[in-house]
């Protein structure tokens, strides 16, 4: 079975075709500059078994982009998708797990688009378009929030009036769930432990967003992100945790303009706001190691970045109790041994010790970078959200097939 995984950005469409259950990637690529107006032509970067080609085609909408991708696939029957698996950022309280999608469920998803106004609307639009263009092609949605549906109420609740908590749905939802689930499952497999008995802290440290997830008995019990991806760690351009009164002060400064405040906190803060020169922590650490005029500020920025991670890591190790592993993933977590070292140093009180030589040598992932004296294992594991979505989609289709078989009428015995 070929599952086509679709990841819809504001002006892009990433895709992969994965043969299941063998988990073989057959093709993939990205439609870029999907927009009515672009300074450069829209294009599709298309890869089939390691061979890459570029196709210049006009694409004003994600529906047009999807149609153009399907045109590239039509001459190769072995790449024909049997199902579409969509990555969707926010499932709200309605979608607490991955789901088969039809017109009714797509309509339900559209109703909660306001929870993720930048990310959900393009995904909903693509679901609708795929349903119209290929009505016989099954579709699933795999939500970044669904892995965190198991977070207990005491960890997901904000101390707000009932009208806000219940009627407005203001609560912690958590994000990066697809990535956290994938690397935790991989770590459990590496250690030979069943997922339902596995305790870990997953550190998804991306070049953009970042979050930690506490996992107890294979289930998420907390995530550093909250109602939105703005909460938690210091990120590339996001502030992370701050005093709510700061938001009130900023609203007053900007004459009550929420868009201006949102821009300050989401796009001008974090590593970029602290350093004043770059949103990439790799640049900051590199400049901090030198003796330039801004070296002290760069070191201060890196220290705050690491401090936030260490603070939550310690809290989450305590929360999961008897942790089996700490996992580093995504761009920074996978490629920056300096960050892993700074985060894990002097954490022996939690039974955590990192091996400096193994850490520096960790180029091929997964890598075990645990010191001999460490009670808790430390891994660097490459995330693969597309494969995670393909796995979830395959499981959904399998369950749907079993359900259909159970509902089929049985032939009655006819006595001669």
Protein backbone atom coordinates (compact mmCIF):
# COMPACT_ATOMS: atom_id res chain seq x y z
CA UNK A 1 0.00 0.00 0.00
CA UNK A 2 1.29 3.45 -0.95
CA UNK A 3 0.53 6.20 1.53
CA UNK A 4 1.06 9.78 0.38
CA UNK A 5 1.94 12.01 3.33
CA UNK A 6 1.03 15.68 2.87
CA UNK A 7 2.36 18.57 4.96
CA UNK A 8 0.71 21.84 4.05
CA UNK A 9 2.52 25.10 4.86
CA UNK A 10 1.27 28.62 4.29
CA UNK A 11 2.92 28.76 0.85
CA UNK A 12 4.29 25.26 0.37
CA UNK A 13 3.23 21.63 0.10
CA UNK A 14 5.64 18.90 1.16
CA UNK A 15 4.88 15.31 0.22
CA UNK A 16 6.28 11.80 0.52
CA UNK A 17 5.04 8.49 -0.82
CA UNK A 18 5.83 5.64 1.54
CA UNK A 19 5.13 1.97 0.78
CA UNK A 20 3.61 0.30 3.82
CA UNK A 21 4.01 -1.81 5.82
CA UNK A 22 7.60 -2.06 4.57
CA UNK A 23 8.19 1.66 5.30
CA UNK A 24 10.01 2.24 2.00
CA UNK A 25 10.15 5.83 0.75
CA UNK A 26 9.39 5.77 -2.98
CA UNK A 27 9.19 9.48 -3.80
CA UNK A 28 8.89 12.90 -2.25
CA UNK A 29 9.33 16.58 -2.78
CA UNK A 30 7.99 20.04 -2.18
CA UNK A 31 5.80 22.49 -4.06
CA UNK A 32 7.28 25.92 -3.34
CA UNK A 33 5.96 29.49 -3.61
CA UNK A 34 2.33 28.41 -3.74
CA UNK A 35 0.63 31.81 -3.97
CA UNK A 36 -1.37 34.05 -6.33
CA UNK A 37 1.60 36.47 -6.37
CA UNK A 38 5.27 35.51 -6.16
CA UNK A 39 8.45 37.37 -7.07
CA UNK A 40 9.89 34.11 -8.43
CA UNK A 41 8.08 31.32 -10.31
CA UNK A 42 6.31 28.56 -8.40
CA UNK A 43 8.10 25.23 -8.66
CA UNK A 44 8.03 21.61 -7.57
CA UNK A 45 11.22 19.91 -6.38
CA UNK A 46 10.46 16.25 -7.10
CA UNK A 47 12.54 13.25 -5.97
CA UNK A 48 12.18 9.63 -7.02
CA UNK A 49 14.66 7.12 -5.55
CA UNK A 50 17.37 9.71 -5.06
CA UNK A 51 16.97 11.44 -8.43
CA UNK A 52 15.83 15.05 -8.18
CA UNK A 53 14.10 17.19 -10.80
CA UNK A 54 12.69 20.73 -10.80
CA UNK A 55 9.41 21.62 -12.49
CA UNK A 56 8.35 25.25 -13.01
CA UNK A 57 4.54 25.35 -12.89
CA UNK A 58 2.07 28.07 -11.82
CA UNK A 59 0.36 27.17 -8.53
CA UNK A 60 -1.94 29.75 -6.98
CA UNK A 61 -3.52 27.41 -4.41
CA UNK A 62 -2.64 24.24 -2.53
CA UNK A 63 -5.30 22.43 -4.56
CA UNK A 64 -3.47 23.38 -7.76
CA UNK A 65 -0.18 22.31 -6.20
CA UNK A 66 -1.60 18.91 -5.27
CA UNK A 67 -2.98 18.49 -8.80
CA UNK A 68 0.43 19.26 -10.30
CA UNK A 69 2.12 16.76 -8.00
CA UNK A 70 -0.38 14.09 -9.01
CA UNK A 71 0.38 14.89 -12.66
CA UNK A 72 4.05 14.12 -11.99
CA UNK A 73 3.06 10.75 -10.54
CA UNK A 74 0.54 9.61 -13.15
CA UNK A 75 3.10 8.16 -15.58
CA UNK A 76 4.56 5.92 -12.88
CA UNK A 77 1.88 3.44 -11.72
CA UNK A 78 3.99 2.10 -8.85
CA UNK A 79 3.89 5.57 -7.25
CA UNK A 80 0.10 5.83 -7.34
CA UNK A 81 -1.15 6.62 -3.80
CA UNK A 82 -3.75 4.39 -2.17
CA UNK A 83 -4.40 6.82 0.68
CA UNK A 84 -3.58 10.40 1.71
CA UNK A 85 -2.25 11.10 5.20
CA UNK A 86 -2.36 14.78 6.18
CA UNK A 87 -0.32 16.46 8.88
CA UNK A 88 -2.60 18.86 10.78
CA UNK A 89 -1.24 21.05 13.56
CA UNK A 90 -4.30 21.40 15.82
CA UNK A 91 -7.09 18.94 16.54
CA UNK A 92 -8.55 20.84 19.48
CA UNK A 93 -10.77 18.87 21.85
CA UNK A 94 -12.69 17.34 18.93
CA UNK A 95 -9.84 15.22 17.54
CA UNK A 96 -7.99 13.42 20.32
CA UNK A 97 -6.38 10.95 17.97
CA UNK A 98 -5.62 10.40 14.31
CA UNK A 99 -8.82 10.16 12.29
CA UNK A 100 -10.30 9.08 8.97
CA UNK A 101 -11.58 12.20 7.26
CA UNK A 102 -14.82 12.67 5.33
CA UNK A 103 -16.94 15.73 4.54
CA UNK A 104 -18.41 15.78 8.06
CA UNK A 105 -15.10 15.49 9.90
CA UNK A 106 -13.51 18.06 7.57
CA UNK A 107 -16.35 20.43 8.44
CA UNK A 108 -15.74 19.78 12.15
CA UNK A 109 -12.04 20.53 11.67
CA UNK A 110 -12.83 23.76 9.86
CA UNK A 111 -14.85 24.96 12.87
CA UNK A 112 -11.74 24.93 15.08
CA UNK A 113 -9.40 26.61 12.59
CA UNK A 114 -9.24 29.61 14.90
CA UNK A 115 -7.10 27.59 17.33
CA UNK A 116 -4.28 27.58 14.76
CA UNK A 117 -5.10 30.39 12.30
CA UNK A 118 -1.77 30.20 10.48
CA UNK A 119 -1.52 26.43 10.10
CA UNK A 120 -4.97 24.79 10.09
CA UNK A 121 -6.76 26.70 7.27
CA UNK A 122 -4.33 25.57 4.52
CA UNK A 123 -4.63 21.97 5.74
CA UNK A 124 -8.44 22.16 5.76
CA UNK A 125 -8.42 23.66 2.27
CA UNK A 126 -6.23 20.83 1.01
CA UNK A 127 -8.45 18.18 2.62
CA UNK A 128 -11.46 19.69 0.87
CA UNK A 129 -9.66 19.86 -2.47
CA UNK A 130 -8.47 16.26 -2.26
CA UNK A 131 -11.98 15.12 -1.37
CA UNK A 132 -13.38 16.95 -4.41
CA UNK A 133 -10.67 15.84 -6.86
CA UNK A 134 -10.29 12.24 -5.64
CA UNK A 135 -13.47 11.30 -3.72
CA UNK A 136 -12.59 7.59 -3.75
CA UNK A 137 -9.14 8.13 -2.22
CA UNK A 138 -9.26 7.65 1.59
CA UNK A 139 -7.89 10.50 3.69
CA UNK A 140 -6.60 10.65 7.24
CA UNK A 141 -5.50 13.48 9.49
CA UNK A 142 -2.69 13.06 12.01
CA UNK A 143 -2.64 15.87 14.54
CA UNK A 144 0.37 17.38 16.32
CA UNK A 145 -1.85 17.74 19.39
CA UNK A 146 -3.27 14.21 19.57
CA UNK A 147 -0.29 12.56 21.34
CA UNK A 148 -0.88 15.04 24.17
CA UNK A 149 -4.55 14.14 24.64
CA UNK A 150 -3.40 11.96 27.56
CA UNK A 151 -2.02 14.92 29.54
CA UNK A 152 -3.94 14.83 32.85
CA UNK A 153 -6.30 17.67 33.72
CA UNK A 154 -4.07 18.99 36.49
CA UNK A 155 -1.29 19.52 33.94
CA UNK A 156 -3.42 20.82 31.06
CA UNK A 157 -5.60 23.26 33.01
CA UNK A 158 -4.95 26.99 33.34
CA UNK A 159 -6.18 28.66 36.55
CA UNK A 160 -8.88 30.65 34.77
CA UNK A 161 -12.65 31.11 35.21
CA UNK A 162 -14.86 28.25 34.02
CA UNK A 163 -16.26 30.29 31.14
CA UNK A 164 -12.78 30.57 29.63
CA UNK A 165 -11.72 27.01 30.43
CA UNK A 166 -14.89 25.24 29.35
CA UNK A 167 -16.79 27.49 26.95
CA UNK A 168 -13.76 28.97 25.20
CA UNK A 169 -11.67 25.79 25.32
CA UNK A 170 -8.63 27.55 26.77
CA UNK A 171 -6.30 24.80 28.01
CA UNK A 172 -2.92 23.27 27.25
CA UNK A 173 -3.02 21.29 24.01
CA UNK A 174 0.69 20.72 23.43
CA UNK A 175 2.46 20.42 20.08
CA UNK A 176 5.18 18.52 18.20
CA UNK A 177 3.28 15.39 19.26
CA UNK A 178 3.96 13.45 16.07
CA UNK A 179 7.71 13.96 16.44
CA UNK A 180 7.73 13.22 20.17
CA UNK A 181 5.76 10.00 19.66
CA UNK A 182 8.11 8.84 16.89
CA UNK A 183 11.40 9.31 18.75
CA UNK A 184 10.03 7.89 22.01
CA UNK A 185 8.88 4.77 20.16
CA UNK A 186 12.31 4.51 18.54
CA UNK A 187 14.08 4.84 21.90
CA UNK A 188 11.84 2.18 23.44
CA UNK A 189 12.66 -0.12 20.52
CA UNK A 190 16.41 0.52 20.91
CA UNK A 191 16.18 -0.38 24.59
CA UNK A 192 13.96 -3.39 23.97
CA UNK A 193 11.20 -2.11 26.25
CA UNK A 194 7.45 -2.14 25.58
CA UNK A 195 6.04 1.32 24.96
CA UNK A 196 3.46 0.96 27.73
CA UNK A 197 6.27 0.59 30.29
CA UNK A 198 8.59 3.24 28.90
CA UNK A 199 9.38 6.52 30.67
CA UNK A 200 11.27 9.29 28.89
CA UNK A 201 11.76 12.98 28.25
CA UNK A 202 11.82 13.92 24.58
CA UNK A 203 13.64 17.13 23.58
CA UNK A 204 12.46 18.36 20.17
CA UNK A 205 14.90 21.20 19.51
CA UNK A 206 14.23 22.63 16.08
CA UNK A 207 15.76 25.55 14.23
CA UNK A 208 12.34 27.20 14.56
CA UNK A 209 10.12 25.74 17.27
CA UNK A 210 11.20 23.66 20.25
CA UNK A 211 9.50 21.75 23.04
CA UNK A 212 10.04 19.06 25.66
CA UNK A 213 7.60 16.24 26.34
CA UNK A 214 7.31 14.15 29.50
CA UNK A 215 6.29 10.56 28.73
CA UNK A 216 5.19 8.09 31.41
CA UNK A 217 4.26 4.52 30.51
CA UNK A 218 4.35 5.50 26.85
CA UNK A 219 1.89 8.38 27.20
CA UNK A 220 2.44 12.12 27.16
CA UNK A 221 1.83 13.64 30.59
CA UNK A 222 3.10 17.15 29.82
CA UNK A 223 4.50 19.32 27.04
CA UNK A 224 6.26 22.66 27.38
CA UNK A 225 4.02 24.22 24.73
CA UNK A 226 0.49 25.09 25.79
CA UNK A 227 -2.64 26.64 24.30
CA UNK A 228 -0.35 27.72 21.46
CA UNK A 229 3.24 26.97 20.41
CA UNK A 230 4.32 30.25 22.04
CA UNK A 231 4.55 28.82 25.56
CA UNK A 232 7.58 27.07 27.03
CA UNK A 233 11.16 27.11 25.79
CA UNK A 234 13.01 30.06 24.30
CA UNK A 235 12.81 29.45 20.54
CA UNK A 236 14.29 31.00 17.40
CA UNK A 237 11.87 33.94 17.28
CA UNK A 238 9.34 33.05 20.00
CA UNK A 239 9.70 34.31 23.54
CA UNK A 240 8.49 31.18 25.30
CA UNK A 241 7.39 31.58 28.93
CA UNK A 242 6.81 35.11 30.20
CA UNK A 243 4.74 36.95 32.79
CA UNK A 244 1.20 37.56 31.46
CA UNK A 245 1.42 41.15 32.66
CA UNK A 246 4.02 41.73 29.96
CA UNK A 247 1.32 41.05 27.35
CA UNK A 248 -0.94 43.64 28.99
CA UNK A 249 1.90 46.15 28.97
CA UNK A 250 2.61 45.47 25.29
CA UNK A 251 -1.08 45.84 24.44
CA UNK A 252 -1.02 49.28 26.04
CA UNK A 253 2.15 50.22 24.14
CA UNK A 254 0.62 49.14 20.83
CA UNK A 255 -2.79 50.78 21.37
CA UNK A 256 -4.52 47.44 21.92
CA UNK A 257 -3.36 45.98 18.60
CA UNK A 258 -3.13 42.17 19.12
CA UNK A 259 -1.42 41.63 15.77
CA UNK A 260 1.44 43.95 16.74
CA UNK A 261 1.87 42.18 20.08
CA UNK A 262 1.70 38.77 18.41
CA UNK A 263 4.38 39.86 15.97
CA UNK A 264 6.64 41.00 18.83
CA UNK A 265 6.29 37.76 20.77
CA UNK A 266 6.18 35.24 17.92
CA UNK A 267 8.51 36.76 15.33
CA UNK A 268 10.82 39.27 17.04
CA UNK A 269 11.69 37.55 20.32
CA UNK A 270 13.53 34.40 21.37
CA UNK A 271 17.06 33.90 20.09
CA UNK A 272 16.62 36.70 17.54
CA UNK A 273 15.34 39.19 20.09
CA UNK A 274 18.03 38.35 22.63
CA UNK A 275 20.97 38.36 20.23
CA UNK A 276 19.80 41.08 17.87
CA UNK A 277 21.59 39.41 14.96
CA UNK A 278 20.28 35.89 14.28
CA UNK A 279 17.42 33.53 15.08
CA UNK A 280 19.70 30.48 14.76
CA UNK A 281 21.23 29.27 18.02
CA UNK A 282 24.06 27.70 15.99
CA UNK A 283 25.21 31.16 14.90
CA UNK A 284 24.96 32.43 18.46
CA UNK A 285 27.07 29.65 19.97
CA UNK A 286 29.69 30.07 17.24
CA UNK A 287 29.99 33.83 17.83
CA UNK A 288 30.03 33.35 21.59
CA UNK A 289 33.12 31.15 21.27
CA UNK A 290 35.02 34.03 19.67
CA UNK A 291 36.33 37.28 21.14
CA UNK A 292 34.25 39.86 19.28
CA UNK A 293 32.51 42.86 20.83
CA UNK A 294 29.23 40.96 20.97
CA UNK A 295 30.65 37.70 22.39
CA UNK A 296 29.31 38.34 25.90
CA UNK A 297 25.79 38.98 24.60
CA UNK A 298 25.96 35.83 22.46
CA UNK A 299 27.03 33.76 25.47
CA UNK A 300 24.21 35.27 27.52
CA UNK A 301 21.71 34.35 24.79
CA UNK A 302 23.00 30.77 24.63
CA UNK A 303 22.91 30.49 28.43
CA UNK A 304 19.26 31.53 28.57
CA UNK A 305 18.39 29.12 25.74
CA UNK A 306 20.02 26.21 27.58
CA UNK A 307 18.71 27.26 31.02
CA UNK A 308 15.10 27.01 29.86
CA UNK A 309 15.71 23.49 28.53
CA UNK A 310 17.53 22.35 31.69
CA UNK A 311 14.81 23.75 33.94
CA UNK A 312 12.07 21.80 32.18
CA UNK A 313 14.23 18.70 31.77
CA UNK A 314 14.79 18.50 35.51
CA UNK A 315 11.10 19.03 36.21
CA UNK A 316 10.05 16.40 33.69
CA UNK A 317 12.56 13.81 34.91
CA UNK A 318 11.00 14.24 38.34
CA UNK A 319 7.49 14.02 36.90
CA UNK A 320 7.97 10.79 34.95
CA UNK A 321 9.90 9.11 37.79
CA UNK A 322 12.46 6.38 37.11
CA UNK A 323 13.14 7.66 33.59
CA UNK A 324 14.52 5.22 31.03
CA UNK A 325 15.81 7.78 28.53
CA UNK A 326 16.33 11.38 27.49
CA UNK A 327 16.05 11.90 23.73
CA UNK A 328 17.34 14.76 21.59
CA UNK A 329 15.83 15.29 18.15
CA UNK A 330 15.19 17.70 15.27
CA UNK A 331 17.72 20.10 13.73
CA UNK A 332 19.44 21.38 16.89
CA UNK A 333 18.93 18.25 18.96
CA UNK A 334 20.34 16.03 16.21
CA UNK A 335 23.27 18.13 14.98
CA UNK A 336 24.51 20.25 17.91
CA UNK A 337 26.63 18.24 20.37
CA UNK A 338 27.45 21.52 22.20
CA UNK A 339 23.78 22.02 23.07
CA UNK A 340 23.34 18.40 24.20
CA UNK A 341 26.46 18.73 26.39
CA UNK A 342 25.38 22.02 27.98
CA UNK A 343 21.90 20.64 28.68
CA UNK A 344 23.05 17.37 30.25
CA UNK A 345 26.11 18.59 32.19
CA UNK A 346 25.84 18.53 36.00
CA UNK A 347 22.56 16.57 35.92
CA UNK A 348 23.90 13.62 37.93
CA UNK A 349 21.34 14.30 40.65
CA UNK A 350 18.76 12.97 38.15
CA UNK A 351 20.91 9.96 37.25
CA UNK A 352 21.88 11.61 33.98
CA UNK A 353 25.44 11.72 32.61
CA UNK A 354 26.57 12.29 29.04
CA UNK A 355 29.72 10.85 27.44
CA UNK A 356 31.63 13.72 25.79
CA UNK A 357 33.44 11.54 23.24
CA UNK A 358 30.32 9.65 22.18
CA UNK A 359 28.41 12.93 22.02
CA UNK A 360 30.98 14.63 19.77
CA UNK A 361 31.21 11.56 17.53
CA UNK A 362 27.43 11.17 17.09
CA UNK A 363 27.08 11.74 13.34
CA UNK A 364 25.07 8.70 12.30
CA UNK A 365 21.76 8.47 14.13
CA UNK A 366 20.38 6.94 16.22
CA UNK A 367 23.31 7.36 18.59
CA UNK A 368 23.65 6.34 22.24
CA UNK A 369 25.65 9.09 23.97
CA UNK A 370 25.27 7.81 27.52
CA UNK A 371 28.16 7.82 29.98
CA UNK A 372 28.91 4.54 31.80
CA UNK A 373 27.84 5.93 35.16
CA UNK A 374 24.49 7.24 33.89
CA UNK A 375 21.34 5.51 35.12
CA UNK A 376 19.27 7.19 32.40
CA UNK A 377 20.14 6.50 28.76
CA UNK A 378 20.71 9.49 26.45
CA UNK A 379 19.98 9.24 22.72
CA UNK A 380 20.20 11.45 19.67
CA UNK A 381 17.51 10.21 17.28
CA UNK A 382 16.53 11.65 13.91
CA UNK A 383 12.84 12.46 13.82
CA UNK A 384 10.73 11.34 10.86
CA UNK A 385 7.28 12.88 11.08
CA UNK A 386 6.33 11.68 7.59
CA UNK A 387 7.00 8.06 8.53
CA UNK A 388 5.11 8.57 11.79
CA UNK A 389 2.10 9.86 9.82
CA UNK A 390 2.34 6.92 7.41
CA UNK A 391 2.35 4.50 10.35
CA UNK A 392 -0.68 6.15 11.96
CA UNK A 393 -2.49 6.18 8.62
CA UNK A 394 -1.74 2.50 8.01
CA UNK A 395 -3.10 1.61 11.45
CA UNK A 396 -6.27 3.61 10.82
CA UNK A 397 -6.86 1.89 7.49
CA UNK A 398 -6.28 -1.51 9.08
CA UNK A 399 -8.84 -0.75 11.80
CA UNK A 400 -11.28 0.56 9.19
CA UNK A 401 -10.88 -2.64 7.18
CA UNK A 402 -11.55 -4.79 10.26
CA UNK A 403 -14.62 -2.69 11.09
CA UNK A 404 -15.99 -3.06 7.56
CA UNK A 405 -15.48 -6.83 7.67
CA UNK A 406 -17.38 -7.06 10.95
CA UNK A 407 -20.28 -5.13 9.44
CA UNK A 408 -20.54 -7.27 6.31
CA UNK A 409 -23.72 -9.41 6.34
CA UNK A 410 -23.05 -13.11 6.77
CA UNK A 411 -24.59 -15.64 4.38
CA UNK A 412 -27.38 -17.55 6.08
CA UNK A 413 -27.24 -21.31 6.10
CA UNK A 414 -29.80 -22.75 3.72
CA UNK A 415 -31.09 -26.21 4.59
CA UNK A 416 -31.69 -28.42 1.57
